[in-house]
Amino acid sequence: MNISILKKMLAKAAQNISDNKEKLNSLNVFPIPDGDTGTNMEKTMLGAIGAIAEVGNRDITPDDMDSLYEGVLMASQGNSGVILSQWFKGFFASLKDIEAEEFDAFALNNAFMNGIETAYDAVLSPVEGTILTVARETYEACEEILTEETTVEDYLRCAFEAAKKSLANTPNLLAVLKEAGVVDSGGFGFVCILGGMLGALDSESGFDADEFVKSASPMAVMSDDGEFGYCTELIVKLDSESGAEFNMQKTTDFLNYVGNSVVTVTDGSKLKLHVHTLKPEAVLKYCHQFGEFIKIKIENMTIQHQETMLKDKEKCAVIAVADGPGVGELFMRLGASRIVDGGQSDNVSVNDFVKVIDSFMADDIILLPNNGNIIMVAEQVQKMCENVNIHVVRTHSMAEGYSALSILNKDDSVENIIKYMDREISGTVTGTVCPATRDADIDGVEIHEGHYIAMSGKTIIADREDRDGAVLALMENIPDMGDKESVLAICRDEDALEAVKALEPELSKLCGDAEIYYVCGGQSVYDYVFAIQ
């Protein structure tokens, strides 16, 4: 393969970063300027695209590798951007020494290896569980499968899969990621880059970025000493006639003395550095002795963090338990601030609630347990968190949770919100349909294993051989069904959704003028949960 394909590979990688920029930013453990990994990596990749633009319409050759790296380096921003630029430094340097037609899996493997070595060298104290780990484990996995028959596409497909696997493991290597409930954002960006590179050769390739995305808990961002300081980035043009002799080790030692998160890079006559410090003026003074500044960027992370926390603070927040991803999405659309996963077969613990409560700020927090088995847990949380204004609305089902959220008005007082929620719940009937797991005789209803049972609240109404029959029997036995205004069918899966939609002509006769709505909830036990209002 000709190395000119790199032009398309880099363009696709940059596009993939841009497409996923906000998802990358949502993973940031630090919700402050330095933490905007997606923005930083996008700008870094756009540096490569700028260099490609300079090449024009002709093909990229090995002679262009220096200018590609120069573009990446000068555009790099933030810790993740600088480390990525150093991976590309090694990557591009390795490709300088090949002929254009020698761009094969072995050349790519050498470029990956050189990129890793250069990136690790740029970080004084490499931390595992970051982009460095994802890049290294990707290379190690690909080297194992490398043979004479391996194509560039084969190599990139292996790299893409290995990077995803490594990314998923990053919370097990870095405590702050596990605490925040996210994977490493820089590692995620590396996966996006590899996905773009592979996409240049295989347009059918792709991945579900959402499986890795979950916003980081803002309570997990504080460093051990509670200080953020200033994110300071400089590019210095080193001048041998300035009177001071530049020494990388001494400079790095100084930066670690006045700050942390240090990344230092030299390229010919340029020094690029990144540091978090409470004394940016000391960094400027120290570095100015070695030459003139090409770029200075200093941002106050402490103030930005405080503004972020205040901006995110809600007057009244609702935490709702949701059994199934579709239910969670529905509750979020209705105004829930946070979702706690769990329900009938996976009851939520006190700690599950506390973790979510610790993740944001609000004047008042309403808990919707949405299951009778979880109400006491929620009330225990209320007793434990004495420094937070917690209110428990005793919702016994997902249907009641839906009803409570359906009339949520966060601009109202918390007293009124709770009053209207309680009123709405009192007028809601929860209907459920699920398979019977054993024979029984309950409330005068003979139940057969394998049949479907219909329940209103906790009362078993009917036993039917088929699911459709159980649904119709449920509606037939709801008191005053013809006077109800709405019926929401929360369906376990797509098959259940299509099945109940097919029953709509019969359901319409039973439900009178009530509007019938459907959603695929993904709940664990019940084929259907009906919210009848």
Protein backbone atom coordinates (compact mmCIF):
# COMPACT_ATOMS: atom_id res chain seq x y z
CA MET A 1 0.00 0.00 0.00
CA ASN A 2 1.17 3.52 -0.78
CA ILE A 3 1.72 5.88 2.15
CA SER A 4 -0.53 8.42 0.41
CA ILE A 5 -3.47 6.61 2.06
CA LEU A 6 -2.31 8.28 5.29
CA LYS A 7 -3.86 11.50 3.99
CA LYS A 8 -7.32 9.94 4.07
CA MET A 9 -6.62 8.08 7.33
CA LEU A 10 -5.71 11.27 9.18
CA ALA A 11 -8.68 13.13 7.73
CA LYS A 12 -11.05 10.38 8.88
CA ALA A 13 -9.40 10.28 12.32
CA ALA A 14 -9.82 14.05 12.73
CA GLN A 15 -13.45 13.81 11.62
CA ASN A 16 -14.11 11.03 14.12
CA ILE A 17 -12.67 13.14 16.94
CA SER A 18 -14.80 16.12 15.88
CA ASP A 19 -17.95 13.99 15.65
CA ASN A 20 -17.38 12.66 19.17
CA LYS A 21 -15.96 15.84 20.73
CA GLU A 22 -18.85 16.46 23.12
CA LYS A 23 -18.92 12.81 24.16
CA LEU A 24 -15.21 13.06 24.90
CA ASN A 25 -15.76 16.22 26.91
CA SER A 26 -18.52 14.52 28.91
CA LEU A 27 -15.98 12.02 30.23
CA ASN A 28 -13.77 14.65 31.76
CA VAL A 29 -13.01 14.03 35.39
CA PHE A 30 -11.94 17.70 35.55
CA PRO A 31 -14.85 19.91 34.30
CA ILE A 32 -12.50 22.85 33.72
CA PRO A 33 -10.59 24.24 30.71
CA ASP A 34 -7.69 21.78 30.90
CA GLY A 35 -10.17 18.93 31.14
CA ASP A 36 -11.87 19.52 27.78
CA THR A 37 -10.24 16.48 26.22
CA GLY A 38 -12.47 16.43 23.17
CA THR A 39 -11.75 20.07 22.36
CA ASN A 40 -8.02 19.63 22.96
CA MET A 41 -7.71 16.49 20.85
CA GLU A 42 -9.79 18.02 18.07
CA LYS A 43 -7.46 21.02 17.87
CA THR A 44 -4.44 18.71 17.89
CA MET A 45 -5.82 16.64 15.01
CA LEU A 46 -6.77 19.77 13.10
CA GLY A 47 -3.07 20.68 13.21
CA ALA A 48 -2.41 17.59 11.09
CA ILE A 49 -5.22 18.55 8.74
CA GLY A 50 -3.71 22.02 8.38
CA ALA A 51 -0.42 20.43 7.39
CA ILE A 52 -2.23 18.21 4.88
CA ALA A 53 -3.87 21.31 3.42
CA GLU A 54 -0.40 22.73 2.86
CA VAL A 55 0.47 19.61 0.86
CA GLY A 56 -2.40 20.41 -1.48
CA ASN A 57 -3.70 17.96 -4.06
CA ARG A 58 -0.55 15.87 -4.35
CA ASP A 59 -0.04 12.66 -2.41
CA ILE A 60 1.65 12.60 0.99
CA THR A 61 5.16 11.16 0.91
CA PRO A 62 7.63 10.15 3.65
CA ASP A 63 9.26 13.56 3.17
CA ASP A 64 6.11 15.22 4.55
CA MET A 65 6.30 13.53 7.95
CA ASP A 66 8.20 16.39 9.60
CA SER A 67 5.63 18.98 8.53
CA LEU A 68 2.78 16.75 9.72
CA TYR A 69 4.36 16.50 13.16
CA GLU A 70 5.04 20.26 13.21
CA GLY A 71 1.35 20.86 12.54
CA VAL A 72 0.27 18.51 15.32
CA LEU A 73 2.77 19.89 17.83
CA MET A 74 1.95 23.55 17.28
CA ALA A 75 -1.80 22.90 17.49
CA SER A 76 -1.64 20.57 20.50
CA GLN A 77 -3.44 21.81 23.56
CA GLY A 78 -3.94 20.41 27.05
CA ASN A 79 -2.36 17.37 28.63
CA SER A 80 -4.09 14.94 26.29
CA GLY A 81 -3.27 17.00 23.20
CA VAL A 82 0.43 17.25 24.03
CA ILE A 83 0.72 13.53 24.79
CA LEU A 84 -1.12 12.74 21.54
CA SER A 85 1.26 15.01 19.64
CA GLN A 86 4.18 13.02 21.03
CA TRP A 87 2.64 9.75 19.95
CA PHE A 88 2.35 11.23 16.47
CA LYS A 89 5.94 12.46 16.70
CA GLY A 90 7.19 8.89 17.04
CA PHE A 91 4.60 7.62 14.55
CA PHE A 92 5.59 10.09 11.84
CA ALA A 93 9.33 9.78 12.54
CA SER A 94 9.17 6.05 11.92
CA LEU A 95 7.50 6.58 8.54
CA LYS A 96 10.19 9.01 7.36
CA ASP A 97 12.55 6.11 6.76
CA ILE A 98 10.41 4.01 4.42
CA GLU A 99 9.73 4.14 0.71
CA ALA A 100 6.24 5.28 -0.26
CA GLU A 101 5.23 1.80 -1.43
CA GLU A 102 6.52 0.15 1.77
CA PHE A 103 3.59 1.30 3.89
CA ASP A 104 2.50 -2.12 5.11
CA ALA A 105 1.48 -3.72 8.40
CA PHE A 106 5.10 -4.01 9.53
CA ALA A 107 5.74 -0.31 8.87
CA LEU A 108 2.56 0.54 10.74
CA ASN A 109 3.59 -1.70 13.64
CA ASN A 110 6.97 0.07 13.88
CA ALA A 111 5.21 3.44 13.79
CA PHE A 112 2.91 2.40 16.64
CA MET A 113 5.89 1.17 18.69
CA ASN A 114 7.84 4.37 18.09
CA GLY A 115 4.80 6.46 18.95
CA ILE A 116 4.41 4.72 22.30
CA GLU A 117 8.06 5.09 23.23
CA THR A 118 8.06 8.79 22.37
CA ALA A 119 4.82 9.48 24.24
CA TYR A 120 6.03 7.70 27.38
CA ASP A 121 9.32 9.62 27.24
CA ALA A 122 7.42 12.92 27.19
CA VAL A 123 5.72 12.24 30.53
CA LEU A 124 7.93 12.35 33.62
CA SER A 125 5.68 10.03 35.67
CA PRO A 126 3.49 8.02 33.31
CA VAL A 127 0.15 7.03 34.82
CA GLU A 128 -1.48 3.75 33.81
CA GLY A 129 -5.16 3.85 32.96
CA THR A 130 -4.68 6.73 30.52
CA ILE A 131 -4.16 7.17 26.78
CA LEU A 132 -0.62 5.86 27.31
CA THR A 133 -1.95 2.51 28.51
CA VAL A 134 -4.49 2.25 25.70
CA ALA A 135 -1.84 3.01 23.07
CA ARG A 136 0.67 0.54 24.58
CA GLU A 137 -1.78 -2.32 25.01
CA THR A 138 -3.05 -1.73 21.48
CA TYR A 139 0.47 -2.13 20.08
CA GLU A 140 1.15 -5.22 22.21
CA ALA A 141 -2.03 -6.92 21.00
CA CYS A 142 -1.32 -6.12 17.34
CA GLU A 143 2.28 -7.29 17.47
CA GLU A 144 1.06 -10.73 18.54
CA ILE A 145 -1.06 -11.22 15.40
CA LEU A 146 1.44 -9.69 12.95
CA THR A 147 2.46 -12.05 10.12
CA GLU A 148 3.54 -11.75 6.49
CA GLU A 149 -0.14 -12.07 5.50
CA THR A 150 -1.34 -9.22 7.74
CA THR A 151 -2.62 -6.25 5.74
CA VAL A 152 -2.77 -2.65 6.91
CA GLU A 153 -6.53 -3.04 7.22
CA ASP A 154 -6.10 -6.22 9.28
CA TYR A 155 -3.67 -4.42 11.55
CA LEU A 156 -5.95 -1.43 12.09
CA ARG A 157 -8.94 -3.66 12.76
CA CYS A 158 -6.93 -5.50 15.43
CA ALA A 159 -5.75 -2.15 16.83
CA PHE A 160 -9.29 -0.80 16.99
CA GLU A 161 -10.63 -3.84 18.84
CA ALA A 162 -7.65 -3.97 21.23
CA ALA A 163 -7.98 -0.26 21.99
CA LYS A 164 -11.67 -0.63 22.85
CA LYS A 165 -10.86 -3.52 25.19
CA SER A 166 -8.06 -1.56 26.85
CA LEU A 167 -10.27 1.52 27.18
CA ALA A 168 -13.00 -0.45 28.95
CA ASN A 169 -10.42 -1.56 31.54
CA THR A 170 -9.07 1.92 32.37
CA PRO A 171 -11.33 2.42 35.43
CA ASN A 172 -9.74 -0.69 36.96
CA LEU A 173 -6.30 0.92 36.66
CA LEU A 174 -7.05 4.47 37.79
CA ALA A 175 -9.07 5.06 40.95
CA VAL A 176 -10.29 8.52 39.97
CA LEU A 177 -11.93 7.05 36.86
CA LYS A 178 -13.71 4.36 38.85
CA GLU A 179 -14.85 6.96 41.39
CA ALA A 180 -16.22 9.18 38.63
CA GLY A 181 -17.78 6.21 36.82
CA VAL A 182 -16.09 6.84 33.46
CA VAL A 183 -13.40 5.49 31.15
CA ASP A 184 -10.32 7.60 30.37
CA SER A 185 -11.20 10.43 28.00
CA GLY A 186 -7.77 10.51 26.31
CA GLY A 187 -7.94 6.77 25.75
CA PHE A 188 -11.41 7.21 24.29
CA GLY A 189 -9.99 9.80 21.90
CA PHE A 190 -7.32 7.31 20.82
CA VAL A 191 -10.05 4.78 20.07
CA CYS A 192 -11.83 7.43 17.96
CA ILE A 193 -8.61 8.09 16.03
CA LEU A 194 -8.08 4.39 15.29
CA GLY A 195 -11.73 4.05 14.32
CA GLY A 196 -11.28 6.88 11.84
CA MET A 197 -8.10 5.38 10.41
CA LEU A 198 -9.84 2.04 9.93
CA GLY A 199 -12.84 3.79 8.41
CA ALA A 200 -10.60 5.16 5.67
CA LEU A 201 -10.06 1.56 4.50
CA ASP A 202 -13.36 -0.02 5.52
CA SER A 203 -16.37 2.25 5.27
CA GLU A 204 -18.55 -0.36 7.00
CA SER A 205 -16.51 -0.27 10.21
CA GLY A 206 -17.69 1.69 13.21
CA PHE A 207 -18.46 1.43 16.90
CA ASP A 208 -21.09 2.45 19.38
CA ALA A 209 -19.41 5.38 21.12
CA ASP A 210 -22.29 5.62 23.58
CA GLU A 211 -21.28 2.37 25.29
CA PHE A 212 -18.23 4.19 26.67
CA VAL A 213 -19.90 7.50 27.48
CA LYS A 214 -21.18 8.43 30.89
CA SER A 215 -20.70 11.91 32.31
CA ALA A 216 -18.15 12.08 35.08
CA SER A 217 -19.31 12.84 38.59
CA PRO A 218 -18.28 16.43 39.37
CA MET A 219 -17.68 15.46 43.01
CA ALA A 220 -14.77 13.29 41.90
CA VAL A 221 -12.76 16.12 40.40
CA MET A 222 -11.05 17.56 43.45
CA SER A 223 -7.38 16.84 43.80
CA ASP A 224 -6.03 15.59 47.12
CA ASP A 225 -5.24 19.09 48.38
CA GLY A 226 -8.43 20.60 46.97
CA GLU A 227 -6.47 23.02 44.74
CA PHE A 228 -6.82 23.48 41.00
CA GLY A 229 -4.66 26.52 40.26
CA TYR A 230 -3.79 27.60 36.74
CA CYS A 231 -3.52 25.49 33.62
CA THR A 232 -0.38 26.95 32.06
CA GLU A 233 0.80 26.15 28.53
CA LEU A 234 3.77 27.75 26.80
CA ILE A 235 5.66 27.43 23.55
CA VAL A 236 9.12 28.99 23.84
CA LYS A 237 11.53 29.60 20.98
CA LEU A 238 14.83 28.64 22.58
CA ASP A 239 17.66 31.12 22.01
CA SER A 240 21.22 29.97 22.68
CA GLU A 241 22.32 33.62 22.87
CA SER A 242 19.83 34.51 25.62
CA GLY A 243 22.48 34.02 28.28
CA ALA A 244 20.89 31.00 29.98
CA GLU A 245 21.58 27.42 29.03
CA PHE A 246 18.42 25.34 28.65
CA ASN A 247 18.41 21.95 30.36
CA MET A 248 15.34 19.75 29.97
CA GLN A 249 15.82 17.79 33.19
CA LYS A 250 16.32 20.90 35.31
CA THR A 251 13.31 22.56 33.68
CA THR A 252 11.12 19.52 34.30
CA ASP A 253 12.31 19.34 37.91
CA PHE A 254 11.42 23.01 38.39
CA LEU A 255 7.95 22.55 36.90
CA ASN A 256 7.26 19.59 39.17
CA TYR A 257 8.38 21.69 42.12
CA VAL A 258 5.89 24.49 41.37
CA GLY A 259 3.07 22.31 40.00
CA ASN A 260 1.91 18.97 38.65
CA SER A 261 0.48 17.35 35.49
CA VAL A 262 3.74 18.26 33.80
CA VAL A 263 4.37 17.48 30.14
CA THR A 264 7.48 18.91 28.47
CA VAL A 265 8.45 18.53 24.84
CA THR A 266 11.36 19.91 22.83
CA ASP A 267 11.51 19.92 19.06
CA GLY A 268 14.58 21.55 17.64
CA SER A 269 14.53 25.12 18.86
CA LYS A 270 11.08 24.95 20.44
CA LEU A 271 10.04 24.03 23.97
CA LYS A 272 6.40 23.17 24.61
CA LEU A 273 5.20 22.64 28.16
CA HIS A 274 2.02 22.03 30.10
CA VAL A 275 1.71 22.36 33.90
CA HIS A 276 -0.92 22.89 36.58
CA THR A 277 0.44 25.42 39.04
CA LEU A 278 -0.58 27.98 41.63
CA LYS A 279 2.33 30.16 40.47
CA PRO A 280 2.11 30.73 36.71
CA GLU A 281 4.20 33.88 37.06
CA ALA A 282 7.09 31.74 38.35
CA VAL A 283 6.81 29.49 35.29
CA LEU A 284 6.84 32.49 32.95
CA LYS A 285 9.86 34.03 34.67
CA TYR A 286 11.82 30.77 34.65
CA CYS A 287 11.13 29.96 30.99
CA HIS A 288 11.61 33.48 29.67
CA GLN A 289 15.32 33.27 30.38
CA PHE A 290 15.68 30.66 27.63
CA GLY A 291 14.04 32.59 24.81
CA GLU A 292 10.93 34.34 23.53
CA PHE A 293 7.36 33.13 23.92
CA ILE A 294 5.54 31.95 20.79
CA LYS A 295 2.37 31.08 22.67
CA ILE A 296 1.08 31.67 26.22
CA LYS A 297 -2.15 30.19 27.55
CA ILE A 298 -3.07 30.49 31.24
CA GLU A 299 -6.52 29.65 32.58
CA ASN A 300 -7.74 29.74 36.17
CA MET A 301 -9.11 26.27 36.78
CA THR A 302 -10.27 27.01 40.33
CA ILE A 303 -12.62 29.79 39.26
CA GLN A 304 -13.83 27.77 36.29
CA HIS A 305 -14.58 24.82 38.56
CA GLN A 306 -16.53 27.00 40.98
CA GLU A 307 -18.51 28.53 38.13
CA THR A 308 -19.23 25.09 36.72
CA MET A 309 -20.49 23.82 40.06
CA LEU A 310 -22.70 26.87 40.55
CA LYS A 311 -23.99 26.66 37.00
CA ASP A 312 -24.85 23.00 37.47
CA LYS A 313 -26.60 23.57 40.79
CA GLU A 314 -30.32 22.96 40.50
CA LYS A 315 -33.10 24.43 42.58
CA CYS A 316 -34.90 21.10 42.80
CA ALA A 317 -33.45 17.86 41.42
CA VAL A 318 -35.15 14.51 41.01
CA ILE A 319 -33.31 11.20 41.29
CA ALA A 320 -35.39 8.38 39.85
CA VAL A 321 -34.81 4.63 39.97
CA ALA A 322 -35.24 3.11 36.51
CA ASP A 323 -35.54 -0.55 35.61
CA GLY A 324 -34.25 -0.62 32.04
CA PRO A 325 -32.45 1.82 29.73
CA GLY A 326 -35.61 2.84 27.91
CA VAL A 327 -37.30 3.69 31.19
CA GLY A 328 -34.25 5.73 32.18
CA GLU A 329 -34.35 7.68 28.92
CA LEU A 330 -38.07 8.33 29.37
CA PHE A 331 -37.55 9.61 32.92
CA MET A 332 -34.70 11.89 31.81
CA ARG A 333 -36.89 13.36 29.06
CA LEU A 334 -39.54 14.07 31.67
CA GLY A 335 -37.09 16.03 33.80
CA ALA A 336 -35.25 13.60 36.09
CA SER A 337 -31.81 14.99 36.97
CA ARG A 338 -30.15 11.62 37.56
CA ILE A 339 -31.05 7.96 37.10
CA VAL A 340 -30.19 5.09 39.44
CA ASP A 341 -30.27 1.78 37.60
CA GLY A 342 -32.23 -0.97 39.34
CA GLY A 343 -35.68 -2.28 40.01
CA GLN A 344 -37.66 -5.44 40.56
CA SER A 345 -34.81 -7.96 40.18
CA ASP A 346 -31.96 -5.63 41.13
CA ASN A 347 -32.88 -3.55 44.16
CA VAL A 348 -30.94 -0.34 44.72
CA SER A 349 -28.71 0.03 47.79
CA VAL A 350 -28.22 3.02 50.08
CA ASN A 351 -24.76 3.46 48.61
CA ASP A 352 -26.16 3.60 45.06
CA PHE A 353 -28.29 6.59 46.04
CA VAL A 354 -25.50 8.29 48.00
CA LYS A 355 -23.07 8.10 45.06
CA VAL A 356 -25.55 9.85 42.80
CA ILE A 357 -26.43 12.46 45.45
CA ASP A 358 -22.73 13.24 45.80
CA SER A 359 -22.39 13.81 42.05
CA PHE A 360 -24.20 17.18 41.83
CA MET A 361 -25.58 20.13 43.76
CA ALA A 362 -29.20 21.08 44.39
CA ASP A 363 -31.17 23.01 46.99
CA ASP A 364 -33.64 20.13 47.28
CA ILE A 365 -33.48 16.54 46.04
CA ILE A 366 -36.53 14.35 45.48
CA LEU A 367 -36.04 10.57 45.42
CA LEU A 368 -38.42 8.43 43.38
CA PRO A 369 -37.77 4.79 44.43
CA ASN A 370 -40.33 3.44 41.92
CA ASN A 371 -40.46 0.05 43.67
CA GLY A 372 -41.99 -1.00 46.97
CA ASN A 373 -38.80 -2.80 47.95
CA ILE A 374 -36.73 0.38 47.53
CA ILE A 375 -38.89 2.85 49.47
CA MET A 376 -37.32 2.01 52.84
CA VAL A 377 -33.86 2.29 51.29
CA ALA A 378 -34.68 5.79 50.04
CA GLU A 379 -35.99 6.76 53.48
CA GLN A 380 -32.77 5.50 55.06
CA VAL A 381 -30.79 7.68 52.64
CA GLN A 382 -32.92 10.63 53.75
CA LYS A 383 -31.92 10.00 57.37
CA MET A 384 -28.23 9.55 56.55
CA CYS A 385 -27.72 12.64 54.39
CA GLU A 386 -28.60 15.21 57.02
CA ASN A 387 -26.70 17.99 55.25
CA VAL A 388 -28.85 17.65 52.09
CA ASN A 389 -32.54 18.48 51.78
CA ILE A 390 -33.83 15.10 50.64
CA HIS A 391 -37.50 14.29 50.11
CA VAL A 392 -38.90 10.84 49.35
CA VAL A 393 -42.00 10.47 47.19
CA ARG A 394 -43.25 6.94 47.84
CA THR A 395 -43.61 5.63 44.29
CA HIS A 396 -44.22 1.86 44.26
CA SER A 397 -43.71 1.20 40.53
CA MET A 398 -42.19 2.53 37.33
CA ALA A 399 -45.72 3.53 36.33
CA GLU A 400 -46.09 5.72 39.43
CA GLY A 401 -42.63 7.16 38.77
CA TYR A 402 -43.76 8.08 35.26
CA SER A 403 -46.89 9.73 36.63
CA ALA A 404 -44.91 11.73 39.20
CA LEU A 405 -42.48 12.99 36.58
CA SER A 406 -45.18 13.74 34.02
CA ILE A 407 -46.34 16.77 36.02
CA LEU A 408 -42.89 17.91 37.22
CA ASN A 409 -42.41 21.69 37.25
CA LYS A 410 -38.96 22.49 38.64
CA ASP A 411 -39.77 26.19 38.85
CA ASP A 412 -42.40 25.52 41.50
CA SER A 413 -41.64 25.17 45.21
CA VAL A 414 -40.54 21.74 46.39
CA GLU A 415 -43.65 21.57 48.60
CA ASN A 416 -45.92 22.06 45.60
CA ILE A 417 -43.94 19.66 43.45
CA ILE A 418 -44.35 16.90 46.03
CA LYS A 419 -48.03 17.72 46.57
CA TYR A 420 -48.82 17.47 42.86
CA MET A 421 -46.73 14.32 42.48
CA ASP A 422 -48.63 12.63 45.31
CA ARG A 423 -51.94 13.69 43.78
CA GLU A 424 -50.96 12.29 40.38
CA ILE A 425 -49.75 9.02 41.88
CA SER A 426 -53.00 8.53 43.80
CA GLY A 427 -54.89 8.58 40.51
CA THR A 428 -52.57 6.14 38.75
CA VAL A 429 -53.23 2.44 38.33
CA THR A 430 -50.22 0.21 37.73
CA GLY A 431 -50.94 -2.77 35.51
CA THR A 432 -48.38 -5.50 34.82
CA VAL A 433 -48.14 -8.63 32.70
CA CYS A 434 -45.47 -11.29 33.10
CA PRO A 435 -44.99 -15.07 32.82
CA ALA A 436 -45.85 -17.25 35.83
CA THR A 437 -42.86 -19.14 37.21
CA ARG A 438 -44.85 -21.79 39.10
CA ASP A 439 -48.34 -23.14 39.70
CA ALA A 440 -50.31 -21.42 42.46
CA ASP A 441 -53.77 -20.41 43.62
CA ILE A 442 -53.80 -16.77 44.76
CA ASP A 443 -56.76 -14.49 45.40
CA GLY A 444 -59.04 -17.11 43.86
CA VAL A 445 -57.07 -17.12 40.59
CA GLU A 446 -55.62 -20.47 39.49
CA ILE A 447 -52.15 -19.82 38.10
CA HIS A 448 -50.28 -22.18 35.78
CA GLU A 449 -46.54 -22.17 35.21
CA GLY A 450 -45.77 -20.87 31.72
CA HIS A 451 -49.02 -18.93 31.45
CA TYR A 452 -49.16 -15.15 31.68
CA ILE A 453 -50.58 -13.38 34.70
CA ALA A 454 -52.14 -9.92 34.74
CA MET A 455 -51.93 -7.78 37.87
CA SER A 456 -53.38 -4.48 38.98
CA GLY A 457 -51.01 -3.19 41.63
CA LYS A 458 -50.30 -6.27 43.75
CA THR A 459 -53.62 -7.97 42.95
CA ILE A 460 -53.61 -10.84 40.46
CA ILE A 461 -56.51 -10.39 38.08
CA ALA A 462 -56.19 -13.17 35.54
CA ASP A 463 -54.19 -16.12 34.23
CA ARG A 464 -54.08 -16.59 30.45
CA GLU A 465 -52.25 -19.02 28.19
CA ASP A 466 -50.91 -16.26 25.95
CA ARG A 467 -49.54 -12.79 26.61
CA ASP A 468 -52.05 -10.96 24.42
CA GLY A 469 -54.90 -12.55 26.34
CA ALA A 470 -53.39 -11.41 29.64
CA VAL A 471 -53.10 -7.82 28.36
CA LEU A 472 -56.75 -7.74 27.28
CA ALA A 473 -57.89 -9.39 30.53
CA LEU A 474 -56.04 -6.70 32.48
CA MET A 475 -57.79 -3.86 30.68
CA GLU A 476 -61.16 -5.57 30.98
CA ASN A 477 -60.82 -5.70 34.78
CA ILE A 478 -59.56 -2.16 35.55
CA PRO A 479 -62.42 -0.30 37.28
CA ASP A 480 -63.80 2.67 35.29
CA MET A 481 -61.39 1.93 32.44
CA GLY A 482 -63.61 3.80 30.03
CA ASP A 483 -63.15 7.01 32.02
CA LYS A 484 -59.33 6.99 31.98
CA GLU A 485 -57.46 9.67 30.08
CA SER A 486 -54.23 7.90 29.11
CA VAL A 487 -52.49 4.53 29.03
CA LEU A 488 -48.73 4.21 28.72
CA ALA A 489 -47.45 0.74 27.81
CA ILE A 490 -43.84 0.24 28.91
CA CYS A 491 -42.73 -2.78 26.88
CA ARG A 492 -39.89 -5.13 27.79
CA ASP A 493 -38.45 -5.33 24.26
CA GLU A 494 -39.21 -4.59 20.62
CA ASP A 495 -41.16 -7.84 20.18
CA ALA A 496 -43.43 -6.92 23.08
CA LEU A 497 -43.80 -3.42 21.65
CA GLU A 498 -44.91 -4.67 18.24
CA ALA A 499 -47.26 -7.21 19.83
CA VAL A 500 -49.12 -4.66 21.96
CA LYS A 501 -49.34 -2.22 19.04
CA ALA A 502 -51.07 -4.97 17.07
CA LEU A 503 -53.68 -5.13 19.86
CA GLU A 504 -54.53 -1.43 19.57
CA PRO A 505 -57.93 -1.92 17.85
CA GLU A 506 -59.09 -4.14 20.73
CA LEU A 507 -57.41 -1.97 23.37
CA SER A 508 -59.11 1.13 22.01
CA LYS A 509 -62.51 -0.47 22.57
CA LEU A 510 -61.61 -1.33 26.16
CA CYS A 511 -59.91 1.99 26.96
CA GLY A 512 -62.60 4.31 25.64
CA ASP A 513 -61.26 7.78 24.82
CA ALA A 514 -57.94 7.24 26.60
CA GLU A 515 -54.82 8.04 24.58
CA ILE A 516 -52.53 5.01 24.27
CA TYR A 517 -48.76 5.52 24.21
CA TYR A 518 -45.90 3.03 23.88
CA VAL A 519 -42.25 2.94 24.88
CA CYS A 520 -39.61 0.20 24.83
CA GLY A 521 -38.38 0.18 28.44
CA GLY A 522 -36.03 -2.80 28.62
CA GLN A 523 -37.27 -3.68 32.13
CA SER A 524 -36.09 -6.90 33.76
CA VAL A 525 -39.17 -8.85 34.90
CA TYR A 526 -42.42 -7.64 33.40
CA ASP A 527 -43.27 -7.97 29.72
CA TYR A 528 -45.50 -4.92 30.20
CA VAL A 529 -45.89 -2.21 32.80
CA PHE A 530 -48.95 -0.04 32.18
CA ALA A 531 -49.38 3.42 33.66
CA ILE A 532 -53.14 4.00 33.57
CA GLN A 533 -54.25 7.54 34.44
